[in-house]
Amino acid sequence: MPDLKQALQNALKDAMRAKDRERRNAIRLLQSAIKQIEIDSQTALDDDGVLEILRKEAKKRRETIAELESAGRAQDAANEKFELAVTEEFLPRQLSAEELRPIVRQAISDAGASSMKDMGKVMKAVMPRVQGLADGRVLSALVREILS
């Protein structure tokens, strides 16, 4: 997705025009996280840097949702889910388990893996291929399933 900062800015303008306060606030949170990293590092982030921040923000939201749901705070979890949905709009589409399966099988054969002892080698081979396109937990579960 070219020029993520501009895409965020355009989405913010659209949300403001539509008077969508929740969406506007979620986008501002993302922009704030990006701006904070730029200030801390004293550099302007490129799209790869912005993508990395968006991934971290999405991961934070997922963890927070799990914590809030286990604490019985459904309304707060719903707010976090909305922010996660807005964040995921700007991230590349995640690969499904069916799409990951051939990649994992190829990595297993490349690494010569045969048992769970080789899981580290397989993960090391797979991660660069699917960086940003697959959740690590999903990938790890899939590698375990295929190796066992």
Protein backbone atom coordinates (compact mmCIF):
# COMPACT_ATOMS: atom_id res chain seq x y z
CA MET A 1 0.00 0.00 0.00
CA PRO A 2 1.77 3.15 -1.17
CA ASP A 3 2.26 6.09 1.16
CA LEU A 4 0.56 4.89 4.32
CA LYS A 5 0.87 8.22 6.10
CA GLN A 6 -1.07 9.90 3.30
CA ALA A 7 -3.65 7.09 3.35
CA LEU A 8 -4.12 7.63 7.08
CA GLN A 9 -4.48 11.37 6.55
CA ASN A 10 -7.07 10.86 3.80
CA ALA A 11 -9.00 8.41 5.98
CA LEU A 12 -8.95 10.93 8.81
CA LYS A 13 -10.36 13.63 6.53
CA ASP A 14 -13.08 11.26 5.33
CA ALA A 15 -14.00 10.35 8.90
CA MET A 16 -14.15 14.02 9.86
CA ARG A 17 -16.38 14.83 6.89
CA ALA A 18 -18.68 11.94 7.81
CA LYS A 19 -18.67 13.07 11.46
CA ASP A 20 -17.58 9.56 12.49
CA ARG A 21 -16.01 10.35 15.87
CA GLU A 22 -14.95 6.80 16.76
CA ARG A 23 -13.16 6.24 13.45
CA ARG A 24 -11.58 9.69 13.63
CA ASN A 25 -10.27 8.98 17.13
CA ALA A 26 -8.91 5.56 16.13
CA ILE A 27 -7.02 7.03 13.17
CA ARG A 28 -5.66 9.84 15.34
CA LEU A 29 -4.33 7.25 17.78
CA LEU A 30 -2.46 5.56 14.93
CA GLN A 31 -1.08 8.86 13.69
CA SER A 32 -0.03 9.74 17.21
CA ALA A 33 1.91 6.48 17.58
CA ILE A 34 3.67 7.12 14.27
CA LYS A 35 4.48 10.72 15.17
CA GLN A 36 5.84 9.68 18.57
CA ILE A 37 8.28 7.21 16.97
CA GLU A 38 9.34 9.86 14.45
CA ILE A 39 10.00 12.34 17.25
CA ASP A 40 11.87 9.79 19.36
CA SER A 41 14.07 8.64 16.49
CA GLN A 42 14.29 12.11 14.90
CA THR A 43 13.65 10.66 11.45
CA ALA A 44 10.73 10.54 9.07
CA LEU A 45 9.41 6.99 8.73
CA ASP A 46 8.98 5.35 5.36
CA ASP A 47 6.13 2.96 4.56
CA ASP A 48 8.00 -0.02 6.04
CA GLY A 49 8.45 1.83 9.33
CA VAL A 50 4.80 2.89 9.38
CA LEU A 51 3.73 -0.70 8.63
CA GLU A 52 5.81 -1.96 11.53
CA ILE A 53 4.15 0.51 13.89
CA LEU A 54 0.70 -0.45 12.62
CA ARG A 55 1.52 -4.13 13.22
CA LYS A 56 2.63 -3.36 16.77
CA GLU A 57 -0.52 -1.33 17.41
CA ALA A 58 -2.67 -4.19 16.08
CA LYS A 59 -0.83 -6.67 18.30
CA LYS A 60 -1.36 -4.42 21.34
CA ARG A 61 -5.05 -4.22 20.54
CA ARG A 62 -5.36 -8.01 20.24
CA GLU A 63 -3.67 -8.52 23.59
CA THR A 64 -5.82 -5.85 25.24
CA ILE A 65 -9.01 -7.39 23.81
CA ALA A 66 -8.10 -10.76 25.32
CA GLU A 67 -7.40 -9.19 28.70
CA LEU A 68 -10.60 -7.13 28.70
CA GLU A 69 -12.75 -10.08 27.69
CA SER A 70 -11.28 -12.26 30.43
CA ALA A 71 -11.97 -9.44 32.91
CA GLY A 72 -15.59 -9.23 31.77
CA ARG A 73 -15.33 -5.71 30.35
CA ALA A 74 -17.27 -6.25 27.13
CA GLN A 75 -17.82 -2.57 26.27
CA ASP A 76 -14.13 -1.72 26.52
CA ALA A 77 -13.28 -4.84 24.49
CA ALA A 78 -15.76 -3.74 21.81
CA ASN A 79 -14.01 -0.35 21.60
CA GLU A 80 -10.64 -2.05 21.21
CA LYS A 81 -12.08 -4.36 18.53
CA PHE A 82 -13.24 -1.33 16.58
CA GLU A 83 -9.78 0.26 16.83
CA LEU A 84 -8.24 -3.04 15.72
CA ALA A 85 -10.55 -3.17 12.70
CA VAL A 86 -9.54 0.37 11.72
CA THR A 87 -5.86 -0.50 12.14
CA GLU A 88 -6.19 -3.65 10.04
CA GLU A 89 -7.63 -1.60 7.16
CA PHE A 90 -4.14 -0.19 6.61
CA LEU A 91 -2.28 -3.49 6.95
CA PRO A 92 -1.72 -5.98 4.13
CA ARG A 93 -4.12 -8.93 4.01
CA GLN A 94 -3.04 -11.80 6.27
CA LEU A 95 -2.45 -15.20 4.70
CA SER A 96 -4.88 -17.95 5.68
CA ALA A 97 -3.81 -21.31 7.08
CA GLU A 98 -4.48 -22.89 3.68
CA GLU A 99 -2.20 -20.36 1.99
CA LEU A 100 0.50 -20.86 4.64
CA ARG A 101 0.48 -24.66 4.51
CA PRO A 102 2.56 -25.00 1.27
CA ILE A 103 5.04 -22.39 2.47
CA VAL A 104 5.51 -24.25 5.77
CA ARG A 105 5.85 -27.62 4.00
CA GLN A 106 8.53 -26.12 1.71
CA ALA A 107 10.41 -24.72 4.71
CA ILE A 108 10.25 -28.10 6.45
CA SER A 109 11.74 -29.83 3.43
CA ASP A 110 14.38 -27.10 2.99
CA ALA A 111 15.40 -27.37 6.65
CA GLY A 112 15.31 -31.15 6.59
CA ALA A 113 13.04 -31.11 9.64
CA SER A 114 11.48 -34.33 10.84
CA SER A 115 10.40 -33.75 14.44
CA MET A 116 9.34 -31.09 16.91
CA LYS A 117 13.01 -30.63 17.81
CA ASP A 118 13.45 -28.91 14.45
CA MET A 119 10.65 -26.38 15.00
CA GLY A 120 13.12 -23.54 15.57
CA LYS A 121 14.84 -24.22 12.25
CA VAL A 122 11.53 -24.29 10.42
CA MET A 123 10.28 -21.06 12.03
CA LYS A 124 13.60 -19.40 11.19
CA ALA A 125 13.16 -20.42 7.55
CA VAL A 126 9.47 -19.46 7.30
CA MET A 127 9.40 -16.09 9.07
CA PRO A 128 11.35 -14.10 6.44
CA ARG A 129 9.02 -15.43 3.72
CA VAL A 130 5.80 -14.40 5.46
CA GLN A 131 6.98 -11.35 7.40
CA GLY A 132 3.96 -9.16 8.00
CA LEU A 133 1.64 -11.49 6.11
CA ALA A 134 0.94 -13.99 8.87
CA ASP A 135 0.43 -13.91 12.62
CA GLY A 136 3.26 -15.66 14.46
CA ARG A 137 0.86 -17.64 16.66
CA VAL A 138 -1.03 -19.01 13.65
CA LEU A 139 2.22 -19.86 11.94
CA SER A 140 3.62 -21.57 15.03
CA ALA A 141 0.47 -23.66 15.45
CA LEU A 142 0.60 -24.69 11.81
CA VAL A 143 4.27 -25.72 12.04
CA ARG A 144 3.49 -27.79 15.17
CA GLU A 145 0.55 -29.44 13.43
CA ILE A 146 2.58 -30.41 10.36
CA LEU A 147 5.66 -31.56 12.30
CA SER A 148 3.71 -33.77 14.71
